[in-house]
Amino acid sequence: MDERLIQALSLLPERLAWHVALSASALALGLAVALPLGVAAARHPALRWPALAVAGLVQTIPSLALLALFYPLLLALSGLSRAVLGHGFSALGFLPSLLALTVYSMLPILRNVTAGLTGVEPAVVEAARGVGMTDRQRLWRVELPLALPVIMAGVRTAAVWTIGAATLSTPVGQTSLGDYIFSGLQTENWVAVLVGCAASAGLALVVDQLLGLVERGAAKRDRRLWLAGLAGLALGVAAALAPLAASALAPRHQAYVIGAKNFSEQYVLTELMATRLEADGARVGRKIDLGSAVAYRALAAGEIDAYVDYSGTLWANVLGRRDNPGRAAVLAGLKTELLKRDGVVLLAPLGFENAYALAMKRDRASALGIRSLADLAAHAPDLTMGGDLEFFSRPEWVSVERAYGLRFKTRRQFQPTFMYRALGSGEADVISAFSSDGRIAADDLVVLTDPKGALPPYDAVVLVSPGRAHDARLTKALSSLANAIPVDAMRAANYSVDREADKRSPAQAAQALEAVIKPRR
């Protein structure tokens, strides 16, 4: 069996368990809200349109955006709770995912409850009223049983939507089957992507069929069918959640959580830091595929204990600085300001820089005579610029655009792996590359110089959360990486994950990187 498949399957029990826990909780909560709201909307026409309109409006918001929006809201509420009550709560992971998916699941349930109840024959309702039934009796004994097949159709739709949308909870720190998809796309591990997609689709199909039994039982008034469906759902949920129960009952030692953004270098460095802590006997968890803003906020709030960021990103995005005083001044300023403002500790740089840099295919750049960003400005109106998913919204891009007056014919956004592919296929002429990426040399790209210094330095640095600032075990393990990783070693590790035929996992790449830097400890 393929090694990548074995590795992917070994992670399946935990990821499936969390996916089921999240989806089932969101669907149950959605039912608890949408069912009584649907009954009220069916009873009161004045409420019906606003309720359905609001639920429909939520559906127009992309599910990933909805998930992301709940994180800063919950983070602010947690901070307020901590200030007022002395206790906060986790704003990363399960809670924002649960709330977003609950809201997302409500429309089909609400719509079908309303349609089912308003579709009951008026003569039947009048007959029930004529025999002296109260409104409550009429609802439970007549209207809901008759509307149940329609209601169950809405629940089936909501269940499939929720299971699919739950794969998008990875960027807000929730373990799910989406972990396979996000990391697999970045590292071109198509086996992992297929496992994630197949597991999610299989789960949705099984749940849909079991709910279908309940629906058919309701339509045929066959108690055996709907009991079989409910029993199957209960047994399936219990079996899926077993790994989480076993983990909860296992002896627990001091645990650290290492975070990572959503690209290969971050995965490798996360594994490197985690294995150093594990070698010291610590239990370590990983939270990967976090967005840049989410990662820093999670660290400052104590949701994760450490992660690697880049000085230019922190300088521009976190501190909001637009100047470029030079590498030493940026690092010194960050060390002081992050500690003063957020209690975040910046350890020494790792020894390499992963800078944003605009890159072109060498032959294309030579043909146009482009060596620098200043040269690029004259040709930009005829070229297509490709950026990663966040580059064009970052202040660094604004600085470059203003400094050189760049106006491209077209700007396109790509997931980083596909951004390099787009440059190779000619769908983009220029991309926002990363200077420590091994694909620059492998694809024979030329990095354009920045004579005006519009881009700040991007030294890789380890950040430690306020709650772990005085943790001797953590700081000792991670401080040993100070100035220990040469850029060529980092490029080789990145490339081994991204592109080589004999592709390595991030853990394997971290192990190889450890062997290179070990003598430098």
Protein backbone atom coordinates (compact mmCIF):
# COMPACT_ATOMS: atom_id res chain seq x y z
CA MET A 1 0.00 0.00 0.00
CA ASP A 2 1.22 3.52 -0.82
CA GLU A 3 2.99 5.12 2.16
CA ARG A 4 1.04 8.35 1.74
CA LEU A 5 -2.23 6.43 1.83
CA ILE A 6 -1.16 4.57 4.97
CA GLN A 7 -0.26 7.86 6.63
CA ALA A 8 -3.54 9.48 5.56
CA LEU A 9 -5.60 6.56 6.83
CA SER A 10 -3.78 6.57 10.18
CA LEU A 11 -5.14 10.09 10.77
CA LEU A 12 -8.68 9.23 9.68
CA PRO A 13 -10.19 8.12 13.04
CA GLU A 14 -9.41 11.40 14.82
CA ARG A 15 -10.33 13.65 11.90
CA LEU A 16 -13.54 11.75 11.17
CA ALA A 17 -14.47 11.84 14.86
CA TRP A 18 -14.12 15.61 15.05
CA HIS A 19 -15.95 16.02 11.74
CA VAL A 20 -18.87 13.94 13.00
CA ALA A 21 -18.91 15.72 16.38
CA LEU A 22 -18.98 19.13 14.70
CA SER A 23 -21.55 18.23 12.04
CA ALA A 24 -23.89 16.41 14.44
CA SER A 25 -23.73 19.23 17.01
CA ALA A 26 -24.40 21.90 14.38
CA LEU A 27 -27.30 19.96 12.88
CA ALA A 28 -28.84 19.28 16.30
CA LEU A 29 -28.52 22.94 17.28
CA GLY A 30 -29.90 24.02 13.90
CA LEU A 31 -32.92 21.77 14.43
CA ALA A 32 -33.43 23.10 17.94
CA VAL A 33 -33.61 26.67 16.60
CA ALA A 34 -35.18 26.22 13.17
CA LEU A 35 -37.97 23.80 14.16
CA PRO A 36 -39.78 26.08 16.66
CA LEU A 37 -39.00 29.10 14.47
CA GLY A 38 -40.57 27.29 11.50
CA VAL A 39 -43.67 26.44 13.54
CA ALA A 40 -43.99 30.08 14.59
CA ALA A 41 -43.50 31.24 10.99
CA ALA A 42 -46.22 28.85 9.79
CA ARG A 43 -48.60 30.13 12.48
CA HIS A 44 -47.85 33.85 11.94
CA PRO A 45 -47.52 35.05 8.30
CA ALA A 46 -46.02 38.35 9.49
CA LEU A 47 -43.01 36.44 10.86
CA ARG A 48 -42.67 34.08 7.88
CA TRP A 49 -41.10 36.39 5.33
CA PRO A 50 -38.50 38.01 7.65
CA ALA A 51 -37.43 34.62 9.05
CA LEU A 52 -37.01 33.03 5.62
CA ALA A 53 -35.35 36.18 4.22
CA VAL A 54 -32.74 36.30 6.98
CA ALA A 55 -32.03 32.57 6.68
CA GLY A 56 -31.75 32.95 2.91
CA LEU A 57 -29.40 35.92 3.29
CA VAL A 58 -27.06 33.81 5.44
CA GLN A 59 -26.91 31.26 2.62
CA THR A 60 -25.56 33.93 0.25
CA ILE A 61 -22.47 34.34 2.48
CA PRO A 62 -19.77 31.84 1.47
CA SER A 63 -19.46 29.25 4.21
CA LEU A 64 -15.71 29.84 4.61
CA ALA A 65 -16.31 33.56 5.13
CA LEU A 66 -19.06 32.82 7.64
CA LEU A 67 -16.70 30.58 9.60
CA ALA A 68 -13.99 33.24 9.56
CA LEU A 69 -16.35 36.02 10.68
CA PHE A 70 -17.34 34.21 13.86
CA TYR A 71 -13.72 33.99 15.08
CA PRO A 72 -13.01 37.70 15.72
CA LEU A 73 -16.52 38.12 17.15
CA LEU A 74 -16.00 35.30 19.65
CA LEU A 75 -12.48 36.52 20.40
CA ALA A 76 -13.86 39.93 21.35
CA LEU A 77 -16.58 38.35 23.49
CA SER A 78 -13.98 36.14 25.20
CA GLY A 79 -11.87 39.19 25.99
CA LEU A 80 -14.90 40.99 27.39
CA SER A 81 -15.82 37.94 29.48
CA ARG A 82 -12.28 37.73 30.82
CA ALA A 83 -12.28 41.43 31.72
CA VAL A 84 -15.69 41.33 33.43
CA LEU A 85 -15.88 37.83 34.90
CA GLY A 86 -12.22 36.89 35.07
CA HIS A 87 -12.71 33.91 32.74
CA GLY A 88 -12.70 33.70 28.96
CA PHE A 89 -13.41 30.87 26.55
CA SER A 90 -11.77 29.38 23.49
CA ALA A 91 -12.60 31.37 20.35
CA LEU A 92 -10.58 29.09 18.09
CA GLY A 93 -11.68 25.80 16.62
CA PHE A 94 -14.93 24.14 17.64
CA LEU A 95 -17.05 27.08 18.83
CA PRO A 96 -16.82 29.40 15.78
CA SER A 97 -17.23 26.38 13.50
CA LEU A 98 -20.27 25.17 15.44
CA LEU A 99 -22.02 28.55 15.37
CA ALA A 100 -21.35 29.19 11.69
CA LEU A 101 -22.49 25.72 10.62
CA THR A 102 -25.59 25.96 12.82
CA VAL A 103 -26.65 29.18 11.11
CA TYR A 104 -25.79 27.67 7.73
CA SER A 105 -27.94 24.58 8.37
CA MET A 106 -31.10 26.44 9.32
CA LEU A 107 -32.51 27.55 5.93
CA PRO A 108 -33.57 24.14 4.52
CA ILE A 109 -35.01 23.08 7.88
CA LEU A 110 -36.85 26.37 8.39
CA ARG A 111 -38.17 26.43 4.84
CA ASN A 112 -39.40 22.83 4.90
CA VAL A 113 -40.99 23.11 8.35
CA THR A 114 -42.91 26.17 7.16
CA ALA A 115 -43.86 24.56 3.84
CA GLY A 116 -44.86 21.28 5.48
CA LEU A 117 -47.11 22.88 8.08
CA THR A 118 -48.75 25.38 5.73
CA GLY A 119 -49.31 22.53 3.26
CA VAL A 120 -51.51 20.51 5.60
CA GLU A 121 -55.06 20.37 4.22
CA PRO A 122 -57.26 23.02 5.89
CA ALA A 123 -60.08 20.47 6.12
CA VAL A 124 -57.92 18.20 8.26
CA VAL A 125 -57.06 21.09 10.57
CA GLU A 126 -60.73 22.05 10.85
CA ALA A 127 -61.66 18.44 11.62
CA ALA A 128 -59.10 18.35 14.43
CA ARG A 129 -60.43 21.61 15.77
CA GLY A 130 -63.98 20.26 15.47
CA VAL A 131 -63.25 17.29 17.74
CA GLY A 132 -62.03 19.66 20.42
CA MET A 133 -58.24 19.46 20.06
CA THR A 134 -56.23 22.33 21.51
CA ASP A 135 -53.68 24.13 19.36
CA ARG A 136 -50.88 22.15 20.99
CA GLN A 137 -52.64 18.82 20.48
CA ARG A 138 -53.44 19.69 16.88
CA LEU A 139 -49.78 20.54 16.22
CA TRP A 140 -48.30 17.39 17.77
CA ARG A 141 -50.96 14.86 16.81
CA VAL A 142 -52.04 16.07 13.37
CA GLU A 143 -49.97 18.75 11.69
CA LEU A 144 -46.40 17.67 12.53
CA PRO A 145 -47.03 13.97 11.69
CA LEU A 146 -48.51 14.97 8.32
CA ALA A 147 -45.70 17.47 7.62
CA LEU A 148 -42.91 15.16 8.84
CA PRO A 149 -41.93 13.77 5.38
CA VAL A 150 -41.46 17.33 4.07
CA ILE A 151 -39.59 18.35 7.22
CA MET A 152 -37.27 15.34 6.95
CA ALA A 153 -36.45 16.27 3.36
CA GLY A 154 -35.19 19.60 4.68
CA VAL A 155 -33.21 17.90 7.45
CA ARG A 156 -31.55 15.63 4.86
CA THR A 157 -30.54 18.64 2.78
CA ALA A 158 -29.24 20.46 5.87
CA ALA A 159 -27.23 17.40 6.94
CA VAL A 160 -25.49 17.07 3.57
CA TRP A 161 -24.75 20.82 3.47
CA THR A 162 -23.41 20.81 7.01
CA ILE A 163 -21.12 17.81 6.48
CA GLY A 164 -19.72 19.38 3.32
CA ALA A 165 -19.27 22.84 4.84
CA ALA A 166 -17.57 21.37 7.93
CA THR A 167 -14.50 20.64 5.77
CA LEU A 168 -13.98 24.42 5.67
CA SER A 169 -13.50 24.67 9.45
CA THR A 170 -9.75 23.95 9.17
CA PRO A 171 -8.65 27.62 8.73
CA VAL A 172 -10.23 28.55 12.08
CA GLY A 173 -8.35 25.79 13.87
CA GLN A 174 -10.92 22.98 14.00
CA THR A 175 -9.73 19.47 13.19
CA SER A 176 -11.91 17.94 10.45
CA LEU A 177 -11.72 16.02 7.20
CA GLY A 178 -10.88 19.39 5.65
CA ASP A 179 -7.36 19.03 7.09
CA TYR A 180 -6.67 16.49 4.35
CA ILE A 181 -7.92 18.85 1.66
CA PHE A 182 -6.22 22.08 2.73
CA SER A 183 -2.79 20.59 3.44
CA GLY A 184 -3.05 18.18 0.51
CA LEU A 185 -3.70 20.99 -1.97
CA GLN A 186 -0.76 22.98 -0.65
CA THR A 187 1.71 20.09 -0.74
CA GLU A 188 0.26 18.49 -3.89
CA ASN A 189 -0.51 15.35 -1.92
CA TRP A 190 -3.44 14.23 -4.04
CA VAL A 191 -3.80 11.03 -2.03
CA ALA A 192 -4.64 13.10 1.06
CA VAL A 193 -7.06 15.27 -0.94
CA LEU A 194 -8.85 12.19 -2.27
CA VAL A 195 -9.06 10.60 1.18
CA GLY A 196 -10.57 13.80 2.61
CA CYS A 197 -13.07 14.19 -0.23
CA ALA A 198 -14.02 10.50 -0.24
CA ALA A 199 -14.47 10.38 3.53
CA SER A 200 -16.61 13.53 3.55
CA ALA A 201 -18.73 12.34 0.62
CA GLY A 202 -19.11 8.87 2.11
CA LEU A 203 -20.17 10.31 5.46
CA ALA A 204 -22.75 12.56 3.77
CA LEU A 205 -24.17 9.65 1.75
CA VAL A 206 -24.47 7.36 4.79
CA VAL A 207 -26.16 10.06 6.87
CA ASP A 208 -28.49 10.96 3.99
CA GLN A 209 -29.56 7.33 3.57
CA LEU A 210 -30.19 6.84 7.28
CA LEU A 211 -32.23 10.04 7.41
CA GLY A 212 -34.01 8.74 4.30
CA LEU A 213 -35.16 5.74 6.32
CA VAL A 214 -36.64 8.11 8.90
CA GLU A 215 -38.33 10.08 6.10
CA ARG A 216 -39.83 6.97 4.50
CA GLY A 217 -40.94 5.68 7.88
CA ALA A 218 -42.72 8.96 8.51
CA ALA A 219 -44.38 8.91 5.09
CA LYS A 220 -45.55 5.30 5.43
CA ARG A 221 -46.33 5.53 9.15
CA ASP A 222 -43.90 2.62 9.59
CA ARG A 223 -42.30 2.83 13.00
CA ARG A 224 -39.73 0.14 12.15
CA LEU A 225 -38.22 2.22 9.35
CA TRP A 226 -37.75 5.42 11.28
CA LEU A 227 -36.53 3.57 14.37
CA ALA A 228 -33.98 1.75 12.20
CA GLY A 229 -32.82 5.08 10.76
CA LEU A 230 -32.48 6.72 14.16
CA ALA A 231 -30.71 3.66 15.60
CA GLY A 232 -28.27 3.65 12.69
CA LEU A 233 -27.51 7.34 13.23
CA ALA A 234 -26.99 6.85 16.96
CA LEU A 235 -24.70 3.85 16.48
CA GLY A 236 -22.74 5.62 13.74
CA VAL A 237 -22.18 8.73 15.83
CA ALA A 238 -21.14 6.63 18.84
CA ALA A 239 -18.67 4.61 16.76
CA ALA A 240 -17.21 7.72 15.12
CA LEU A 241 -16.75 9.50 18.45
CA ALA A 242 -15.04 6.53 20.13
CA PRO A 243 -11.48 7.83 19.36
CA LEU A 244 -12.29 11.13 21.06
CA ALA A 245 -13.64 9.34 24.11
CA ALA A 246 -10.53 7.17 24.29
CA SER A 247 -8.33 10.25 24.01
CA ALA A 248 -10.26 12.04 26.75
CA LEU A 249 -9.85 9.08 29.11
CA ALA A 250 -6.14 8.63 28.42
CA PRO A 251 -3.62 9.96 30.96
CA ARG A 252 -2.80 13.57 30.09
CA HIS A 253 0.53 15.25 30.62
CA GLN A 254 1.43 18.87 30.01
CA ALA A 255 0.40 19.71 26.44
CA TYR A 256 1.61 22.37 24.04
CA VAL A 257 -0.12 23.50 20.87
CA ILE A 258 2.05 24.60 17.94
CA GLY A 259 0.31 26.57 15.19
CA ALA A 260 0.95 26.87 11.48
CA LYS A 261 -0.28 28.96 8.59
CA ASN A 262 -1.40 27.33 5.38
CA PHE A 263 1.74 26.58 3.38
CA SER A 264 4.44 23.93 3.27
CA GLU A 265 7.22 25.77 5.12
CA GLN A 266 4.88 26.33 8.06
CA TYR A 267 4.00 22.64 8.18
CA VAL A 268 7.68 21.67 8.21
CA LEU A 269 8.64 24.18 10.91
CA THR A 270 5.66 23.16 13.04
CA GLU A 271 6.82 19.54 12.91
CA LEU A 272 10.38 20.63 13.69
CA MET A 273 9.32 22.53 16.80
CA ALA A 274 6.87 19.86 17.89
CA THR A 275 9.40 17.03 17.61
CA ARG A 276 11.94 18.97 19.68
CA LEU A 277 9.39 19.34 22.44
CA GLU A 278 8.32 15.71 22.12
CA ALA A 279 11.94 14.62 22.41
CA ASP A 280 11.89 16.34 25.79
CA GLY A 281 8.87 14.28 26.86
CA ALA A 282 6.15 16.85 26.17
CA ARG A 283 2.80 16.07 24.58
CA VAL A 284 2.29 18.38 21.60
CA GLY A 285 -0.75 19.19 19.47
CA ARG A 286 -0.76 20.90 16.07
CA LYS A 287 -3.16 23.52 14.71
CA ILE A 288 -2.39 23.96 11.02
CA ASP A 289 -3.81 25.90 8.06
CA LEU A 290 -4.56 29.02 10.09
CA GLY A 291 -4.85 32.34 8.30
CA SER A 292 -2.20 34.97 9.09
CA ALA A 293 -4.49 37.16 11.18
CA VAL A 294 -6.10 34.17 12.90
CA ALA A 295 -2.71 32.69 13.82
CA TYR A 296 -1.46 35.83 15.55
CA ARG A 297 -4.74 36.51 17.33
CA ALA A 298 -4.87 32.90 18.48
CA LEU A 299 -1.36 33.19 19.88
CA ALA A 300 -2.04 36.48 21.67
CA ALA A 301 -5.20 34.97 23.18
CA GLY A 302 -3.36 31.83 24.32
CA GLU A 303 -5.24 29.53 21.91
CA ILE A 304 -1.89 28.30 20.58
CA ASP A 305 1.45 28.38 22.40
CA ALA A 306 3.93 29.11 19.60
CA TYR A 307 4.24 29.41 15.83
CA VAL A 308 6.58 30.82 13.22
CA ASP A 309 5.80 34.17 11.63
CA TYR A 310 7.78 36.62 9.52
CA SER A 311 9.09 40.01 10.58
CA GLY A 312 7.68 41.87 7.57
CA THR A 313 4.22 40.41 8.10
CA LEU A 314 4.26 41.35 11.77
CA TRP A 315 5.64 44.80 11.05
CA ALA A 316 3.06 45.66 8.38
CA ASN A 317 0.00 43.63 9.31
CA VAL A 318 0.12 43.44 13.10
CA LEU A 319 1.76 46.76 13.98
CA GLY A 320 0.41 48.57 10.91
CA ARG A 321 3.79 50.10 10.05
CA ARG A 322 4.46 51.32 6.50
CA ASP A 323 8.10 52.37 6.88
CA ASN A 324 11.14 50.14 6.35
CA PRO A 325 13.91 51.07 8.81
CA GLY A 326 15.98 47.96 8.02
CA ARG A 327 16.29 44.39 9.32
CA ALA A 328 17.85 45.10 12.73
CA ALA A 329 15.47 47.96 13.53
CA VAL A 330 12.41 45.94 12.47
CA LEU A 331 13.38 42.99 14.69
CA ALA A 332 14.17 45.24 17.66
CA GLY A 333 10.92 47.15 17.22
CA LEU A 334 8.88 43.98 16.96
CA LYS A 335 10.47 42.46 20.06
CA THR A 336 9.59 45.53 22.11
CA GLU A 337 6.17 46.39 20.70
CA LEU A 338 4.67 42.89 20.57
CA LEU A 339 5.67 42.26 24.19
CA LYS A 340 4.39 45.64 25.33
CA ARG A 341 1.12 45.53 23.41
CA ASP A 342 0.13 41.84 23.50
CA GLY A 343 2.56 40.12 25.86
CA VAL A 344 3.87 38.08 22.89
CA VAL A 345 7.51 37.01 23.11
CA LEU A 346 9.63 37.08 19.96
CA LEU A 347 12.54 34.65 20.12
CA ALA A 348 15.67 35.03 18.02
CA PRO A 349 15.33 34.65 14.21
CA LEU A 350 15.65 31.15 12.80
CA GLY A 351 18.43 32.17 10.42
CA PHE A 352 16.65 32.58 7.09
CA GLU A 353 14.31 34.99 5.41
CA ASN A 354 11.11 34.09 3.57
CA ALA A 355 10.36 37.34 1.84
CA TYR A 356 7.61 38.23 -0.54
CA ALA A 357 9.24 38.74 -3.91
CA LEU A 358 7.81 39.23 -7.38
CA ALA A 359 9.12 36.56 -9.73
CA MET A 360 8.96 35.74 -13.44
CA LYS A 361 10.06 32.93 -15.70
CA ARG A 362 13.66 33.68 -16.66
CA ASP A 363 13.12 33.58 -20.42
CA ARG A 364 10.07 35.85 -20.20
CA ALA A 365 11.89 38.38 -18.02
CA SER A 366 14.93 38.36 -20.34
CA ALA A 367 12.80 38.85 -23.44
CA LEU A 368 11.17 41.93 -21.90
CA GLY A 369 14.35 43.23 -20.28
CA ILE A 370 12.87 43.12 -16.78
CA ARG A 371 15.29 42.83 -13.85
CA SER A 372 13.65 44.97 -11.18
CA LEU A 373 10.26 46.17 -10.06
CA ALA A 374 11.07 49.51 -11.66
CA ASP A 375 11.55 47.74 -15.02
CA LEU A 376 8.33 45.81 -14.45
CA ALA A 377 6.24 48.99 -14.11
CA ALA A 378 6.68 49.88 -17.81
CA HIS A 379 5.39 46.46 -18.95
CA ALA A 380 2.76 45.85 -16.25
CA PRO A 381 -0.25 47.08 -18.32
CA ASP A 382 0.33 44.17 -20.72
CA LEU A 383 0.94 41.49 -18.08
CA THR A 384 -1.10 39.31 -15.73
CA MET A 385 -0.14 39.34 -12.06
CA GLY A 386 -0.79 36.28 -9.90
CA GLY A 387 -0.83 36.44 -6.12
CA ASP A 388 -1.51 34.07 -3.27
CA LEU A 389 -4.90 34.22 -1.59
CA GLU A 390 -4.03 37.13 0.70
CA PHE A 391 -1.25 39.05 -1.08
CA PHE A 392 -3.38 41.73 -2.74
CA SER A 393 -5.09 42.60 0.55
CA ARG A 394 -1.82 42.97 2.44
CA PRO A 395 -0.20 46.37 3.14
CA GLU A 396 3.03 45.16 1.54
CA TRP A 397 1.28 44.99 -1.83
CA VAL A 398 -0.10 48.49 -1.34
CA SER A 399 3.43 49.74 -0.64
CA VAL A 400 4.86 48.07 -3.76
CA GLU A 401 1.98 49.24 -5.93
CA ARG A 402 2.39 52.83 -4.80
CA ALA A 403 6.18 52.87 -4.87
CA TYR A 404 6.41 51.65 -8.47
CA GLY A 405 3.02 52.65 -9.89
CA LEU A 406 2.23 49.06 -10.89
CA ARG A 407 -0.94 48.70 -12.95
CA PHE A 408 -1.39 45.21 -14.37
CA LYS A 409 -3.73 44.16 -17.15
CA THR A 410 -5.22 41.51 -14.88
CA ARG A 411 -4.74 40.38 -11.30
CA ARG A 412 -5.58 36.82 -10.30
CA GLN A 413 -5.48 35.00 -6.97
CA PHE A 414 -4.36 31.42 -6.52
CA GLN A 415 -3.73 28.91 -3.79
CA PRO A 416 0.13 28.98 -3.63
CA THR A 417 0.69 25.62 -5.34
CA PHE A 418 -1.50 26.61 -8.27
CA MET A 419 0.10 30.06 -8.41
CA TYR A 420 3.42 28.47 -9.43
CA ARG A 421 1.58 26.22 -11.86
CA ALA A 422 -0.12 29.25 -13.40
CA LEU A 423 3.25 30.91 -13.99
CA GLY A 424 4.57 27.77 -15.64
CA SER A 425 1.54 27.45 -17.94
CA GLY A 426 1.53 31.11 -18.94
CA GLU A 427 -1.72 31.97 -17.17
CA ALA A 428 0.27 34.47 -15.10
CA ASP A 429 3.33 36.49 -16.13
CA VAL A 430 4.42 37.58 -12.65
CA ILE A 431 3.69 36.02 -9.25
CA SER A 432 4.17 36.88 -5.60
CA ALA A 433 6.74 34.20 -4.82
CA PHE A 434 8.40 33.34 -1.52
CA SER A 435 12.18 33.68 -1.32
CA SER A 436 12.72 30.45 0.66
CA ASP A 437 10.65 28.40 -1.77
CA GLY A 438 12.62 25.69 -3.53
CA ARG A 439 10.40 26.04 -6.59
CA ILE A 440 12.14 29.31 -7.52
CA ALA A 441 15.36 27.50 -8.44
CA ALA A 442 13.60 24.36 -9.68
CA ASP A 443 11.41 26.33 -12.09
CA ASP A 444 14.29 28.65 -13.10
CA LEU A 445 12.51 31.80 -11.97
CA VAL A 446 14.12 35.20 -11.64
CA VAL A 447 13.32 37.28 -8.55
CA LEU A 448 12.92 40.95 -9.39
CA THR A 449 14.97 43.36 -7.30
CA ASP A 450 13.31 46.02 -5.16
CA PRO A 451 15.52 49.13 -5.55
CA LYS A 452 13.14 51.38 -3.57
CA GLY A 453 12.95 49.01 -0.59
CA ALA A 454 9.15 48.87 -0.68
CA LEU A 455 9.10 45.37 0.80
CA PRO A 456 10.22 45.00 4.43
CA PRO A 457 12.56 42.19 5.59
CA TYR A 458 10.89 38.85 6.34
CA ASP A 459 13.07 37.06 8.87
CA ALA A 460 11.44 33.87 10.14
CA VAL A 461 10.93 34.20 13.91
CA VAL A 462 9.35 32.06 16.60
CA LEU A 463 6.58 33.72 18.60
CA VAL A 464 5.52 32.49 22.05
CA SER A 465 2.15 33.23 23.67
CA PRO A 466 1.90 35.40 26.80
CA GLY A 467 0.88 32.41 28.90
CA ARG A 468 4.02 30.50 27.91
CA ALA A 469 6.44 33.41 28.11
CA HIS A 470 8.11 31.97 31.21
CA ASP A 471 7.77 28.30 30.30
CA ALA A 472 11.37 27.08 30.55
CA ARG A 473 10.82 23.82 28.64
CA LEU A 474 9.19 25.56 25.68
CA THR A 475 11.57 28.49 25.42
CA LYS A 476 14.63 26.26 25.79
CA ALA A 477 13.50 23.86 23.06
CA LEU A 478 12.59 26.61 20.61
CA SER A 479 15.47 28.97 21.42
CA SER A 480 17.83 26.20 20.32
CA LEU A 481 16.64 26.92 16.75
CA ALA A 482 17.97 30.49 16.85
CA ASN A 483 19.98 31.27 13.71
CA ALA A 484 20.27 27.53 13.08
CA ILE A 485 18.44 27.11 9.75
CA PRO A 486 20.26 28.25 6.60
CA VAL A 487 18.03 29.33 3.74
CA ASP A 488 19.33 26.64 1.39
CA ALA A 489 18.36 23.93 3.90
CA MET A 490 14.90 25.46 4.26
CA ARG A 491 14.47 25.61 0.48
CA ALA A 492 15.45 21.96 0.17
CA ALA A 493 12.98 20.96 2.89
CA ASN A 494 10.19 22.98 1.27
CA TYR A 495 10.86 21.53 -2.14
CA SER A 496 10.91 17.98 -0.81
CA VAL A 497 7.33 18.52 0.39
CA ASP A 498 6.10 20.55 -2.58
CA ARG A 499 7.40 19.03 -5.74
CA GLU A 500 9.90 16.16 -5.70
CA ALA A 501 8.80 12.88 -7.29
CA ASP A 502 9.74 11.09 -4.08
CA LYS A 503 7.53 13.43 -2.08
CA ARG A 504 8.10 13.71 1.67
CA SER A 505 5.58 14.48 4.34
CA PRO A 506 6.18 17.61 6.45
CA ALA A 507 7.26 15.34 9.33
CA GLN A 508 9.82 13.58 7.12
CA ALA A 509 11.08 16.91 5.79
CA ALA A 510 11.43 18.21 9.35
CA GLN A 511 13.43 15.11 10.27
CA ALA A 512 15.78 15.69 7.33
CA LEU A 513 16.07 19.38 8.27
CA GLU A 514 16.87 18.43 11.85
CA ALA A 515 19.78 16.31 10.61
CA VAL A 516 21.16 19.32 8.73
CA ILE A 517 20.88 21.81 11.58
CA LYS A 518 21.73 19.44 14.44
CA PRO A 519 25.47 20.19 14.32
CA ARG A 520 24.62 23.89 14.59
CA ARG A 521 22.68 23.51 17.86
